[in-house]
Amino acid sequence: MNVEATDAARSAEQRVAALMANVERLVAERRDAEAQRLLRDAEAILPNHPLVLHERARQLLMQGDALGARALLERVVVAEPRHVPYWLNLAAAERALGRREEELKTLERALAVDPTHLVVLLQKAALLDLMGKPRSAAAVYTHALHTLAPGTRLPPAVEAHVRYAEKRVREHAAALAEQIESRLRTLPREAASGSRARFDRCLDRVLGRRRIYAPEPTFMLFPYLRNYEFFEREQFPWLEALEAATDSIRDELLGVLSTDQSGIEPYIAFHEGAPLRQWKELNHSRRWGAYFLWNQGRPDEAHMARCPRTVAALAATPQVDIPARAPTAFFSILDAHTTIPPHTGITNTRLTVHLPLIVPENCRFRVGGETREWRVGTAWVFDDTIEHEAWNDSDVPRAILIFDVWNPELTALERDLVRGAIDVLAQYYESEGNVLGTVI
């Protein structure tokens, strides 16, 4: 082909592409007469162009001529085998003809081009349901849901199919779980005793009910520690004594709220120019306030003097003790209708304790895949390096005592090593005026 012929072919291709883009727009606007006119213009230039054939096939499908549409679409996918929408429409023609095996093969060809295409996966799962293969359908629906990034906006029809996919996955998980539980009920009594917490989370993961979150500390990850979200109470024999002091601690908090409001400061207080990410709304805001007793190892003597019974209760716990870095202990006051966004803490060498003191209704706390409601006087211990968030959806503030303790899996030697390493790191950065304490 000479240069002039090549240029002419390129020009024709460009004119047809422009015409068909306008045809698509006019069809979407339901201006069918104008769309037909432009389609004829494109057809006069390149009658066998894939875009022209595809539009003709779409019209035949709309008119109920699935066989004619299928014939055109088979020519289209030969010409443009990497274009997924062509394969989808061919599958639609085969669906209309009741040719389910052929439709399945066509959808597999589309997935060979793009294995994570949401619409193709949804269509394949729906087809498997029609073919009487609900288990395979649930597996494909699960794959489809995994392709969705959080917050993805979808067209209404696709959104409705996604909601249906979620329903089918839940139904399948429930049916499978019942079969597994039926089998487990036949275990000998001694095998069935003891804690099932780890197995239950394993089963949730297998059935797609909940994901397993890993620690993601912003500073120090200590390896080979268990990644529990909420820890078993049995590991913390001092919890009962702490809970027994709830009334005394709450009385001191009420005194603070009535006489020392000025001592409550924003818990989130990044300097100007810091990368705020999720903290933009709460930065320097008293919507999440803190009344510190210790703040990164620094005692607030005036606050401690106001709360002697709280200080005594904390002294009976294994608080983290790193010079100029820990402990940290404070009353956390979360304002009405305020959300603490998902975030992670600095290191899994410590764990975080909550003792609820003032808890209105509609207050929730999530760590990883488990969400709980605070109950006054019932403490819990969790790994704050696993993603967590909190909600106060009530009309009044919520208040709890928060402090950190050593992870009980660390040996005495490991605690000493952590103390020494953090002290060196802090001095290293502070030598140039950078305060590592704002990070750890």
Protein backbone atom coordinates (compact mmCIF):
# COMPACT_ATOMS: atom_id res chain seq x y z
CA MET A 1 0.00 0.00 0.00
CA ASN A 2 1.46 3.36 -1.06
CA VAL A 3 1.62 6.44 1.18
CA GLU A 4 -1.52 8.04 -0.31
CA ALA A 5 -3.54 4.87 0.20
CA THR A 6 -2.28 4.58 3.77
CA ASP A 7 -3.24 8.18 4.52
CA ALA A 8 -6.68 7.65 2.96
CA ALA A 9 -7.25 4.53 5.07
CA ARG A 10 -6.20 6.35 8.21
CA SER A 11 -8.49 9.27 7.39
CA ALA A 12 -11.44 6.92 6.80
CA GLU A 13 -10.74 5.17 10.10
CA GLN A 14 -10.68 8.48 11.97
CA ARG A 15 -13.91 9.70 10.34
CA VAL A 16 -15.74 6.48 11.19
CA ALA A 17 -14.46 6.54 14.78
CA ALA A 18 -15.68 10.14 15.19
CA LEU A 19 -19.06 9.34 13.63
CA MET A 20 -19.56 6.29 15.84
CA ALA A 21 -18.62 8.21 18.96
CA ASN A 22 -21.43 10.63 18.12
CA VAL A 23 -23.75 7.71 17.38
CA GLU A 24 -23.08 6.35 20.88
CA ARG A 25 -23.77 9.75 22.41
CA LEU A 26 -27.00 10.22 20.47
CA VAL A 27 -28.21 6.74 21.39
CA ALA A 28 -27.59 7.53 25.05
CA GLU A 29 -29.62 10.72 24.60
CA ARG A 30 -32.36 8.73 22.83
CA ARG A 31 -32.00 10.78 19.64
CA ASP A 32 -32.43 7.68 17.50
CA ALA A 33 -33.21 9.34 14.16
CA GLU A 34 -30.01 11.39 14.26
CA ALA A 35 -28.04 8.36 15.39
CA GLN A 36 -29.35 6.35 12.42
CA ARG A 37 -28.32 9.05 10.00
CA LEU A 38 -24.75 9.16 11.32
CA LEU A 39 -24.60 5.37 11.36
CA ARG A 40 -25.49 5.29 7.65
CA ASP A 41 -22.76 7.87 6.98
CA ALA A 42 -20.21 5.67 8.78
CA GLU A 43 -21.47 2.58 7.00
CA ALA A 44 -21.01 4.27 3.64
CA ILE A 45 -17.33 4.85 4.48
CA LEU A 46 -16.38 1.51 6.06
CA PRO A 47 -19.32 -0.92 6.14
CA ASN A 48 -17.30 -3.68 7.80
CA HIS A 49 -15.74 -1.52 10.51
CA PRO A 50 -16.08 -3.23 13.94
CA LEU A 51 -17.81 -0.18 15.42
CA VAL A 52 -20.37 -0.16 12.62
CA LEU A 53 -20.99 -3.91 12.86
CA HIS A 54 -21.24 -3.69 16.62
CA GLU A 55 -23.91 -1.00 16.48
CA ARG A 56 -25.87 -2.96 13.89
CA ALA A 57 -25.65 -6.01 16.13
CA ARG A 58 -26.87 -3.99 19.11
CA GLN A 59 -29.88 -2.85 17.12
CA LEU A 60 -30.67 -6.40 16.06
CA LEU A 61 -30.53 -7.52 19.69
CA MET A 62 -32.95 -4.74 20.63
CA GLN A 63 -35.28 -5.91 17.86
CA GLY A 64 -35.17 -9.51 19.08
CA ASP A 65 -32.99 -10.87 16.28
CA ALA A 66 -30.37 -12.53 18.47
CA LEU A 67 -29.26 -14.88 15.72
CA GLY A 68 -28.48 -12.02 13.33
CA ALA A 69 -26.74 -10.08 16.11
CA ARG A 70 -24.63 -13.12 16.96
CA ALA A 71 -23.46 -13.49 13.36
CA LEU A 72 -22.30 -9.86 13.26
CA LEU A 73 -20.67 -10.00 16.67
CA GLU A 74 -18.67 -13.09 15.74
CA ARG A 75 -17.14 -11.04 12.93
CA VAL A 76 -16.49 -8.16 15.36
CA VAL A 77 -14.57 -10.23 17.93
CA VAL A 78 -12.41 -11.72 15.19
CA ALA A 79 -11.48 -8.20 14.08
CA GLU A 80 -11.05 -6.82 17.64
CA PRO A 81 -10.37 -9.73 20.01
CA ARG A 82 -8.97 -7.51 22.80
CA HIS A 83 -12.09 -5.37 23.23
CA VAL A 84 -14.09 -6.76 26.18
CA PRO A 85 -17.43 -5.01 25.44
CA TYR A 86 -17.65 -6.87 22.12
CA TRP A 87 -17.33 -10.19 23.93
CA LEU A 88 -19.96 -9.11 26.45
CA ASN A 89 -22.46 -8.33 23.72
CA LEU A 90 -21.72 -11.62 21.99
CA ALA A 91 -22.43 -13.33 25.31
CA ALA A 92 -25.70 -11.39 25.54
CA ALA A 93 -26.71 -12.68 22.10
CA GLU A 94 -25.92 -16.23 23.15
CA ARG A 95 -27.90 -15.71 26.35
CA ALA A 96 -30.92 -14.63 24.27
CA LEU A 97 -30.52 -17.77 22.14
CA GLY A 98 -30.36 -20.00 25.23
CA ARG A 99 -26.88 -21.22 24.29
CA ARG A 100 -25.45 -21.32 27.79
CA GLU A 101 -22.33 -23.35 27.14
CA GLU A 102 -21.41 -21.04 24.26
CA GLU A 103 -22.11 -18.02 26.47
CA LEU A 104 -19.83 -19.41 29.16
CA LYS A 105 -17.02 -19.92 26.64
CA THR A 106 -17.50 -16.38 25.36
CA LEU A 107 -17.29 -14.94 28.87
CA GLU A 108 -14.13 -16.96 29.48
CA ARG A 109 -12.64 -15.41 26.34
CA ALA A 110 -13.48 -11.98 27.75
CA LEU A 111 -11.82 -12.86 31.06
CA ALA A 112 -8.74 -14.02 29.18
CA VAL A 113 -8.46 -10.39 28.05
CA ASP A 114 -9.23 -8.90 31.49
CA PRO A 115 -9.47 -11.42 34.38
CA THR A 116 -10.74 -8.74 36.81
CA HIS A 117 -13.45 -7.18 34.66
CA LEU A 118 -16.32 -6.64 37.11
CA VAL A 119 -19.23 -6.84 34.67
CA VAL A 120 -17.90 -9.99 32.99
CA LEU A 121 -17.43 -11.68 36.36
CA LEU A 122 -20.93 -10.73 37.46
CA GLN A 123 -22.33 -12.02 34.18
CA LYS A 124 -20.42 -15.27 34.47
CA ALA A 125 -21.65 -15.83 38.04
CA ALA A 126 -25.25 -15.14 37.02
CA LEU A 127 -24.89 -17.64 34.16
CA LEU A 128 -23.52 -20.31 36.50
CA ASP A 129 -26.56 -19.80 38.71
CA LEU A 130 -28.79 -20.33 35.67
CA MET A 131 -26.85 -23.48 34.84
CA GLY A 132 -27.62 -24.93 38.28
CA LYS A 133 -24.11 -24.40 39.68
CA PRO A 134 -24.72 -22.17 42.73
CA ARG A 135 -21.44 -23.05 44.44
CA SER A 136 -19.38 -22.10 41.41
CA ALA A 137 -21.51 -18.97 41.03
CA ALA A 138 -20.78 -17.93 44.62
CA ALA A 139 -17.05 -18.39 44.05
CA VAL A 140 -17.14 -16.14 40.97
CA TYR A 141 -19.33 -13.58 42.75
CA THR A 142 -16.72 -13.52 45.53
CA HIS A 143 -13.96 -12.91 42.97
CA ALA A 144 -16.03 -10.10 41.45
CA LEU A 145 -16.51 -8.40 44.82
CA HIS A 146 -12.77 -8.61 45.52
CA THR A 147 -12.07 -6.51 42.42
CA LEU A 148 -13.99 -3.54 43.84
CA ALA A 149 -11.94 -0.84 45.53
CA PRO A 150 -13.61 0.82 48.56
CA GLY A 151 -15.79 3.76 47.57
CA THR A 152 -16.06 2.77 43.91
CA ARG A 153 -19.03 4.44 42.22
CA LEU A 154 -20.94 2.26 39.81
CA PRO A 155 -23.80 2.72 37.32
CA PRO A 156 -27.15 1.88 38.95
CA ALA A 157 -27.59 -1.40 37.06
CA VAL A 158 -24.11 -2.62 38.00
CA GLU A 159 -24.59 -1.43 41.58
CA ALA A 160 -27.79 -3.49 41.81
CA HIS A 161 -25.95 -6.56 40.52
CA VAL A 162 -23.17 -6.02 43.08
CA ARG A 163 -25.74 -5.89 45.89
CA TYR A 164 -27.23 -9.13 44.57
CA ALA A 165 -23.75 -10.67 44.44
CA GLU A 166 -23.21 -9.78 48.10
CA LYS A 167 -26.53 -11.41 48.97
CA ARG A 168 -25.65 -14.60 47.09
CA VAL A 169 -22.22 -14.79 48.74
CA ARG A 170 -23.79 -14.40 52.19
CA GLU A 171 -26.36 -17.10 51.45
CA HIS A 172 -23.68 -19.47 50.21
CA ALA A 173 -21.48 -18.80 53.26
CA ALA A 174 -24.41 -19.46 55.61
CA ALA A 175 -25.28 -22.74 53.91
CA LEU A 176 -21.67 -23.91 53.90
CA ALA A 177 -21.17 -22.83 57.52
CA GLU A 178 -24.16 -24.89 58.58
CA GLN A 179 -22.70 -27.97 56.92
CA ILE A 180 -19.35 -27.42 58.63
CA GLU A 181 -20.97 -26.81 62.02
CA SER A 182 -23.04 -29.97 61.59
CA ARG A 183 -19.83 -31.92 61.11
CA LEU A 184 -18.08 -30.24 64.05
CA ARG A 185 -20.94 -31.14 66.38
CA THR A 186 -19.92 -34.78 65.93
CA LEU A 187 -16.46 -34.16 67.47
CA PRO A 188 -15.71 -35.81 70.81
CA ARG A 189 -16.53 -33.60 73.79
CA GLU A 190 -12.88 -33.11 74.74
CA ALA A 191 -12.03 -31.96 71.20
CA ALA A 192 -14.91 -29.49 71.21
CA SER A 193 -13.91 -27.84 74.50
CA GLY A 194 -11.69 -24.79 74.77
CA SER A 195 -11.56 -21.53 72.87
CA ARG A 196 -12.67 -21.47 69.26
CA ALA A 197 -11.72 -17.85 68.65
CA ARG A 198 -8.86 -18.56 66.25
CA PHE A 199 -10.70 -21.28 64.37
CA ASP A 200 -13.84 -19.14 64.08
CA ARG A 201 -11.83 -16.33 62.50
CA CYS A 202 -10.19 -18.87 60.20
CA LEU A 203 -13.63 -20.10 59.15
CA ASP A 204 -14.86 -16.52 58.64
CA ARG A 205 -11.94 -15.96 56.28
CA VAL A 206 -12.60 -19.17 54.35
CA LEU A 207 -16.28 -18.29 53.96
CA GLY A 208 -15.59 -14.67 53.04
CA ARG A 209 -17.47 -13.32 56.06
CA ARG A 210 -14.58 -11.35 57.55
CA ARG A 211 -11.04 -10.64 56.51
CA ILE A 212 -8.05 -11.18 58.77
CA TYR A 213 -6.22 -7.94 59.48
CA ALA A 214 -2.47 -7.87 60.04
CA PRO A 215 -0.62 -5.38 62.27
CA GLU A 216 0.46 -2.32 60.32
CA PRO A 217 2.32 -0.13 62.82
CA THR A 218 3.44 3.29 61.73
CA PHE A 219 6.81 2.84 63.45
CA MET A 220 8.01 -0.50 64.91
CA LEU A 221 6.76 -3.96 63.99
CA PHE A 222 7.96 -6.63 66.40
CA PRO A 223 7.74 -9.94 64.48
CA TYR A 224 6.23 -13.26 65.53
CA LEU A 225 3.74 -11.82 68.01
CA ARG A 226 0.14 -12.97 67.74
CA ASN A 227 -2.02 -10.63 65.71
CA TYR A 228 -5.11 -10.73 67.89
CA GLU A 229 -7.54 -7.88 67.49
CA PHE A 230 -9.04 -8.11 70.99
CA PHE A 231 -6.98 -10.20 73.39
CA GLU A 232 -8.41 -12.84 75.71
CA ARG A 233 -9.06 -11.47 79.20
CA GLU A 234 -7.29 -14.42 80.82
CA GLN A 235 -3.93 -12.96 79.77
CA PHE A 236 -4.49 -9.89 81.97
CA PRO A 237 -5.29 -10.88 85.55
CA TRP A 238 -5.20 -7.24 86.67
CA LEU A 239 -8.27 -6.33 84.54
CA GLU A 240 -10.75 -7.23 87.28
CA ALA A 241 -9.12 -4.89 89.80
CA LEU A 242 -9.14 -2.11 87.22
CA GLU A 243 -12.83 -2.66 86.48
CA ALA A 244 -13.60 -2.71 90.21
CA ALA A 245 -12.26 0.86 90.38
CA THR A 246 -14.61 2.08 87.64
CA ASP A 247 -16.89 4.12 89.93
CA SER A 248 -13.96 5.90 91.59
CA ILE A 249 -12.30 6.62 88.25
CA ARG A 250 -15.55 7.89 86.76
CA ASP A 251 -16.11 10.19 89.74
CA GLU A 252 -12.71 11.74 89.14
CA LEU A 253 -13.50 12.15 85.44
CA LEU A 254 -16.78 13.89 86.30
CA GLY A 255 -14.82 16.24 88.54
CA VAL A 256 -12.49 17.05 85.66
CA LEU A 257 -15.42 17.72 83.33
CA SER A 258 -17.00 20.10 85.84
CA THR A 259 -13.92 21.99 87.06
CA ASP A 260 -11.03 21.61 84.60
CA GLN A 261 -12.36 21.78 81.04
CA SER A 262 -9.33 23.84 80.07
CA GLY A 263 -7.14 20.81 80.73
CA ILE A 264 -8.81 18.90 77.90
CA GLU A 265 -6.82 19.30 74.70
CA PRO A 266 -7.24 18.03 71.13
CA TYR A 267 -5.89 14.50 70.91
CA ILE A 268 -4.93 15.03 67.27
CA ALA A 269 -2.50 17.94 67.06
CA PHE A 270 -0.29 17.77 63.99
CA HIS A 271 1.80 20.81 63.14
CA GLU A 272 0.93 22.93 60.12
CA GLY A 273 2.15 21.34 56.89
CA ALA A 274 2.04 17.76 58.19
CA PRO A 275 0.46 15.16 55.87
CA LEU A 276 -2.94 14.88 57.60
CA ARG A 277 -4.61 12.27 55.42
CA GLN A 278 -7.48 10.91 57.52
CA TRP A 279 -6.90 13.38 60.37
CA LYS A 280 -7.85 16.57 58.55
CA GLU A 281 -11.27 16.88 60.19
CA LEU A 282 -10.04 16.21 63.74
CA ASN A 283 -6.69 18.00 63.70
CA HIS A 284 -6.59 20.52 66.58
CA SER A 285 -10.26 19.80 67.27
CA ARG A 286 -11.69 19.18 70.74
CA ARG A 287 -14.30 16.91 69.16
CA TRP A 288 -11.80 14.25 70.20
CA GLY A 289 -10.37 15.57 73.43
CA ALA A 290 -7.76 14.15 75.79
CA TYR A 291 -7.15 14.84 79.46
CA PHE A 292 -3.63 13.47 79.88
CA LEU A 293 -2.28 11.95 83.08
CA TRP A 294 0.86 10.82 81.24
CA ASN A 295 1.69 11.89 77.70
CA GLN A 296 4.53 9.91 76.11
CA GLY A 297 6.20 9.37 79.46
CA ARG A 298 5.69 12.92 80.68
CA PRO A 299 3.47 13.07 83.80
CA ASP A 300 1.05 15.94 84.20
CA GLU A 301 1.40 16.48 87.93
CA ALA A 302 -1.62 18.79 88.24
CA HIS A 303 -3.89 16.35 86.41
CA MET A 304 -2.58 13.43 88.43
CA ALA A 305 -3.24 15.30 91.66
CA ARG A 306 -6.88 15.69 90.60
CA CYS A 307 -7.18 11.95 89.89
CA PRO A 308 -5.31 10.03 92.63
CA ARG A 309 -7.55 6.95 92.53
CA THR A 310 -7.14 6.70 88.76
CA VAL A 311 -3.38 6.99 89.14
CA ALA A 312 -3.40 4.26 91.82
CA ALA A 313 -5.44 1.94 89.60
CA LEU A 314 -3.03 2.49 86.71
CA ALA A 315 -0.03 1.79 88.95
CA ALA A 316 -1.29 -1.77 89.38
CA THR A 317 -1.09 -2.43 85.63
CA PRO A 318 2.00 -3.27 83.51
CA GLN A 319 2.16 0.10 81.78
CA VAL A 320 4.81 0.61 79.13
CA ASP A 321 7.80 2.35 80.70
CA ILE A 322 10.27 3.96 78.29
CA PRO A 323 12.01 7.11 79.55
CA ALA A 324 10.56 10.23 77.85
CA ARG A 325 8.38 8.01 75.61
CA ALA A 326 5.91 6.01 77.72
CA PRO A 327 3.53 5.49 79.46
CA THR A 328 0.60 7.34 77.99
CA ALA A 329 -2.70 7.43 79.87
CA PHE A 330 -5.62 9.80 79.41
CA PHE A 331 -9.35 10.30 79.55
CA SER A 332 -10.60 10.20 75.95
CA ILE A 333 -13.69 12.32 75.31
CA LEU A 334 -15.37 11.80 71.94
CA ASP A 335 -17.98 14.41 71.12
CA ALA A 336 -21.50 13.64 69.96
CA HIS A 337 -21.87 12.64 66.30
CA THR A 338 -18.11 12.29 65.86
CA THR A 339 -16.20 9.53 64.10
CA ILE A 340 -12.57 8.58 64.59
CA PRO A 341 -11.44 7.40 61.13
CA PRO A 342 -9.63 4.11 60.46
CA HIS A 343 -6.01 4.28 61.59
CA THR A 344 -3.20 2.22 63.13
CA GLY A 345 -0.87 2.77 66.07
CA ILE A 346 2.88 2.99 66.24
CA THR A 347 4.10 -0.39 67.56
CA ASN A 348 2.80 -3.82 68.53
CA THR A 349 5.26 -4.03 71.44
CA ARG A 350 2.48 -2.39 73.40
CA LEU A 351 -1.26 -3.04 73.65
CA THR A 352 -4.01 -0.54 74.34
CA VAL A 353 -6.57 -0.75 77.14
CA HIS A 354 -10.03 0.85 77.17
CA LEU A 355 -12.02 1.26 80.39
CA PRO A 356 -15.44 2.71 79.46
CA LEU A 357 -16.72 5.36 81.89
CA ILE A 358 -19.49 7.33 80.18
CA VAL A 359 -21.11 5.49 77.29
CA PRO A 360 -24.37 6.63 75.71
CA GLU A 361 -26.19 4.43 73.22
CA ASN A 362 -25.00 4.16 69.61
CA CYS A 363 -21.29 4.11 70.37
CA ARG A 364 -19.20 1.48 68.58
CA PHE A 365 -15.58 0.48 68.20
CA ARG A 366 -14.03 -1.66 65.44
CA VAL A 367 -10.66 -3.39 65.49
CA GLY A 368 -9.94 -5.25 62.26
CA GLY A 369 -12.90 -7.47 61.49
CA GLU A 370 -14.62 -7.24 64.91
CA THR A 371 -16.94 -4.44 66.06
CA ARG A 372 -18.00 -4.06 69.70
CA GLU A 373 -20.01 -1.65 71.82
CA TRP A 374 -18.47 -0.19 74.96
CA ARG A 375 -20.10 -1.13 78.25
CA VAL A 376 -19.41 0.96 81.35
CA GLY A 377 -16.97 -0.87 83.61
CA THR A 378 -16.05 -3.61 81.11
CA ALA A 379 -12.48 -3.17 79.92
CA TRP A 380 -10.78 -4.72 76.94
CA VAL A 381 -7.25 -4.96 75.55
CA PHE A 382 -6.51 -4.70 71.84
CA ASP A 383 -3.67 -4.32 69.37
CA ASP A 384 -3.92 -0.78 68.06
CA THR A 385 -1.54 -1.52 65.16
CA ILE A 386 -4.48 -3.35 63.58
CA GLU A 387 -6.74 -0.93 61.74
CA HIS A 388 -9.40 0.45 64.10
CA GLU A 389 -12.03 3.17 64.20
CA ALA A 390 -14.71 4.53 66.55
CA TRP A 391 -18.15 6.08 66.31
CA ASN A 392 -20.21 8.19 68.68
CA ASP A 393 -23.57 8.46 66.95
CA SER A 394 -25.33 9.66 70.10
CA ASP A 395 -26.30 13.21 71.13
CA VAL A 396 -23.87 13.40 74.08
CA PRO A 397 -20.13 12.84 74.59
CA ARG A 398 -18.57 9.44 75.26
CA ALA A 399 -15.66 9.11 77.70
CA ILE A 400 -13.23 6.27 78.40
CA LEU A 401 -9.88 5.79 80.11
CA ILE A 402 -7.15 4.79 77.64
CA PHE A 403 -3.64 3.61 78.48
CA ASP A 404 -0.97 1.32 77.07
CA VAL A 405 0.63 -1.81 78.51
CA TRP A 406 3.45 -4.04 77.41
CA ASN A 407 2.55 -6.83 75.02
CA PRO A 408 2.61 -9.85 77.36
CA GLU A 409 4.41 -11.97 74.76
CA LEU A 410 7.58 -9.89 75.09
CA THR A 411 10.21 -11.32 77.39
CA ALA A 412 11.99 -9.16 79.98
CA LEU A 413 15.05 -9.10 77.71
CA GLU A 414 12.96 -8.03 74.72
CA ARG A 415 11.44 -5.18 76.72
CA ASP A 416 14.93 -3.98 77.63
CA LEU A 417 16.02 -4.20 74.02
CA VAL A 418 12.98 -2.22 72.84
CA ARG A 419 13.60 0.46 75.50
CA GLY A 420 17.23 0.82 74.44
CA ALA A 421 16.52 0.92 70.72
CA ILE A 422 13.78 3.53 71.05
CA ASP A 423 15.96 5.68 73.31
CA VAL A 424 18.78 5.66 70.73
CA LEU A 425 16.37 6.41 67.89
CA ALA A 426 14.88 9.33 69.79
CA GLN A 427 18.26 10.86 70.63
CA TYR A 428 19.49 10.31 67.06
CA TYR A 429 16.69 12.36 65.51
CA GLU A 430 16.47 14.93 68.28
CA SER A 431 20.14 15.78 67.74
CA GLU A 432 19.03 17.73 64.67
CA GLY A 433 15.90 19.14 66.23
CA ASN A 434 13.56 16.45 64.91
CA VAL A 435 11.35 15.20 67.71
CA LEU A 436 10.83 11.49 67.21
CA GLY A 437 8.36 11.61 70.05
CA THR A 438 5.80 13.05 67.67
CA VAL A 439 5.98 9.78 65.76
CA ILE A 440 6.42 7.03 68.36
